[in-house]
Protein backbone atom coordinates (compact mmCIF):
# COMPACT_ATOMS: atom_id res chain seq x y z
CA MET A 1 0.00 0.00 0.00
CA THR A 2 1.15 3.52 -0.72
CA ASP A 3 1.96 6.19 1.83
CA LEU A 4 -1.28 7.27 3.52
CA THR A 5 -0.27 10.94 3.52
CA GLU A 6 -0.75 11.17 -0.25
CA HIS A 7 -4.47 10.55 0.32
CA LEU A 8 -4.89 13.33 2.91
CA PRO A 9 -6.19 16.02 0.51
CA ARG A 10 -8.91 13.71 -0.81
CA LEU A 11 -9.84 12.54 2.71
CA ARG A 12 -9.99 16.11 4.00
CA ARG A 13 -12.12 17.24 1.07
CA TYR A 14 -14.63 14.43 1.48
CA ALA A 15 -14.73 14.78 5.28
CA ARG A 16 -15.35 18.49 4.91
CA ALA A 17 -18.19 17.83 2.49
CA LEU A 18 -19.72 15.26 4.83
CA THR A 19 -19.47 17.26 8.04
CA GLY A 20 -19.64 20.86 6.81
CA ASP A 21 -17.22 21.83 9.56
CA ALA A 22 -13.43 22.12 9.39
CA HIS A 23 -12.80 20.88 12.92
CA ALA A 24 -15.19 17.95 12.68
CA ALA A 25 -13.64 17.07 9.31
CA ASP A 26 -10.13 17.05 10.79
CA ASP A 27 -11.35 14.77 13.59
CA LEU A 28 -12.99 12.45 11.06
CA VAL A 29 -9.79 12.27 8.98
CA GLN A 30 -7.76 11.47 12.09
CA ASP A 31 -10.22 8.78 13.16
CA THR A 32 -10.12 7.33 9.64
CA LEU A 33 -6.33 7.13 9.61
CA GLU A 34 -6.25 5.58 13.08
CA ARG A 35 -8.78 2.96 12.00
CA ALA A 36 -6.87 2.27 8.76
CA LEU A 37 -3.57 1.81 10.58
CA SER A 38 -5.07 -0.41 13.27
CA ARG A 39 -6.77 -2.57 10.65
CA PHE A 40 -4.12 -2.49 7.96
CA ARG A 41 -4.07 -6.30 7.90
CA LEU A 42 -7.60 -6.17 6.41
CA PHE A 43 -6.46 -4.21 3.36
CA ARG A 44 -6.67 -6.40 0.26
CA PRO A 45 -3.86 -6.02 -2.27
CA GLY A 46 -5.24 -4.93 -5.62
CA THR A 47 -7.80 -2.66 -3.96
CA ARG A 48 -7.46 1.07 -4.53
CA PRO A 49 -6.20 2.55 -1.24
CA GLU A 50 -8.32 5.70 -1.59
CA ALA A 51 -11.50 3.66 -2.00
CA TRP A 52 -10.59 1.63 1.10
CA LEU A 53 -9.91 4.82 3.10
CA LEU A 54 -13.09 6.52 1.91
CA SER A 55 -15.05 3.42 2.87
CA ILE A 56 -13.59 3.53 6.37
CA MET A 57 -14.40 7.25 6.57
CA HIS A 58 -17.97 6.71 5.41
CA ASN A 59 -18.56 3.96 7.97
CA LEU A 60 -17.09 6.07 10.78
CA PHE A 61 -19.23 9.04 9.78
CA VAL A 62 -22.40 6.94 9.71
CA SER A 63 -21.53 5.52 13.13
CA GLN A 64 -20.94 8.99 14.55
CA VAL A 65 -24.25 10.25 13.17
CA ARG A 66 -26.08 7.26 14.66
CA GLN A 67 -24.41 7.82 18.02
CA ARG A 68 -25.60 11.43 18.03
CA GLY A 69 -29.06 10.21 17.09
CA THR A 70 -29.63 13.02 14.61
CA ARG A 71 -28.85 13.97 11.08
CA PRO A 72 -25.60 15.87 10.65
CA GLN A 73 -25.86 19.62 10.97
CA THR A 74 -24.31 21.16 7.89
CA THR A 75 -23.02 24.68 7.75
CA PRO A 76 -21.53 26.62 4.86
CA LEU A 77 -17.88 25.86 4.23
CA ASP A 78 -15.77 28.75 5.36
CA GLU A 79 -13.57 30.39 2.77
CA ALA A 80 -10.57 30.63 5.10
CA HIS A 81 -9.10 27.39 3.76
CA ALA A 82 -9.93 27.95 0.11
CA MET A 83 -6.86 29.00 -1.79
CA PRO A 84 -7.92 29.39 -5.42
CA ALA A 85 -5.20 29.52 -8.05
CA ILE A 86 -6.96 32.49 -9.63
CA ARG A 87 -8.60 35.21 -7.62
CA GLY A 88 -12.34 34.65 -7.75
CA THR A 89 -14.85 37.31 -8.54
CA GLU A 90 -17.83 38.25 -6.41
CA GLY A 91 -20.00 36.26 -8.83
CA ASP A 92 -17.81 33.19 -8.28
CA ARG A 93 -18.17 33.52 -4.50
CA LEU A 94 -21.93 33.84 -4.83
CA ALA A 95 -22.08 30.81 -7.11
CA LEU A 96 -20.05 28.73 -4.65
CA ARG A 97 -22.23 29.90 -1.78
CA ASP A 98 -25.36 28.91 -3.70
CA LEU A 99 -23.88 25.52 -4.60
CA ASP A 100 -22.87 24.90 -1.00
CA ARG A 101 -26.39 25.74 0.19
CA ALA A 102 -27.91 23.54 -2.50
CA LEU A 103 -25.68 20.60 -1.56
CA ALA A 104 -26.71 21.00 2.08
CA GLN A 105 -30.35 20.55 1.04
CA LEU A 106 -29.72 17.14 -0.52
CA THR A 107 -30.28 14.07 1.61
CA PRO A 108 -27.04 12.72 3.10
CA GLU A 109 -27.32 9.63 0.88
CA GLN A 110 -27.65 11.72 -2.28
CA ARG A 111 -24.87 14.11 -1.23
CA GLU A 112 -22.45 11.23 -0.50
CA VAL A 113 -22.98 9.60 -3.89
CA LEU A 114 -22.79 12.92 -5.76
CA LEU A 115 -19.55 13.91 -4.03
CA LEU A 116 -17.86 10.54 -4.46
CA VAL A 117 -18.69 10.31 -8.15
CA SER A 118 -18.37 13.98 -9.13
CA LEU A 119 -15.79 15.42 -6.77
CA GLU A 120 -13.68 12.37 -5.91
CA GLU A 121 -14.11 10.87 -9.38
CA LEU A 122 -14.76 7.34 -8.15
CA THR A 123 -16.44 4.91 -10.51
CA TYR A 124 -19.96 3.71 -9.77
CA GLU A 125 -18.51 0.36 -8.67
CA GLU A 126 -15.98 2.00 -6.32
CA THR A 127 -18.69 4.26 -4.90
CA ALA A 128 -20.90 1.21 -4.32
CA ARG A 129 -18.06 -0.51 -2.42
CA VAL A 130 -17.30 2.59 -0.35
CA LEU A 131 -20.94 3.02 0.66
CA GLY A 132 -21.78 -0.69 0.86
CA ILE A 133 -24.71 -0.42 -1.55
CA PRO A 134 -25.52 -1.94 -4.96
CA VAL A 135 -24.32 -0.18 -8.11
CA GLY A 136 -27.93 0.34 -9.21
CA THR A 137 -28.60 2.23 -5.99
CA VAL A 138 -25.57 4.43 -6.68
CA MET A 139 -26.93 5.22 -10.13
CA SER A 140 -30.44 6.04 -8.92
CA ARG A 141 -29.21 8.18 -6.01
CA LEU A 142 -26.86 10.03 -8.34
CA SER A 143 -29.64 10.69 -10.82
CA ARG A 144 -31.97 11.91 -8.07
CA ALA A 145 -29.21 14.06 -6.55
CA ARG A 146 -28.46 15.73 -9.88
CA ASP A 147 -32.16 16.34 -10.56
CA ARG A 148 -32.71 17.76 -7.08
CA LEU A 149 -29.62 19.95 -7.36
CA ARG A 150 -30.91 21.36 -10.65
CA GLU A 151 -34.29 22.12 -9.01
CA ILE A 152 -32.72 23.84 -6.03
CA LEU A 153 -30.34 25.93 -8.14
CA ALA A 154 -33.17 26.94 -10.48
CA GLN A 155 -35.23 28.13 -7.49
CA GLN A 156 -32.44 30.16 -5.92
CA SER A 157 -32.36 33.84 -6.71
CA GLY A 158 -29.33 35.92 -7.61
CA PRO A 159 -26.52 35.57 -10.12
CA GLY A 160 -25.00 32.38 -8.64
CA PRO A 161 -27.06 29.64 -10.30
CA ALA A 162 -26.61 31.07 -13.78
CA HIS A 163 -22.89 30.25 -13.52
CA LEU A 164 -23.43 26.67 -12.36
CA LYS A 165 -24.10 23.72 -14.55
CA VAL A 166 -25.00 20.28 -13.27
CA VAL A 167 -23.81 17.66 -15.73
CA LYS A 168 -26.31 14.93 -16.62
């Protein structure tokens, strides 16, 4: 298996999307790495390490949500950690704000599938393994998530949604 540190950016990004909070995301990444190291003997050669790590993260997150007994509270991602290569315009910031709000309105199941496929670029099969669901369920959740995201963005007012395009 490769060095786990090379997967940190992807783990942080997905944890941040799941939790909506920088501190909770850091805790989730740390818990994921601890679990991965303590159960390294369970890693199967030939498996993509990032899919294995994301699967561990997903299971930990679900367990934490169940322990709290509520759905996760999502808040807008703060811009303090965003370091764009090109300075964004006010319209870009508004579009990102609108997208963040729209993502928060999706069900956790839809948001997870959308983020794993679109942001993390996992295949449907890898996403199914990470989430422990059938590939057909991944496909239907992704379709519903994209449709719902289009609806939400179309309903939002302001210049943000005009700049966003949800790919079918």
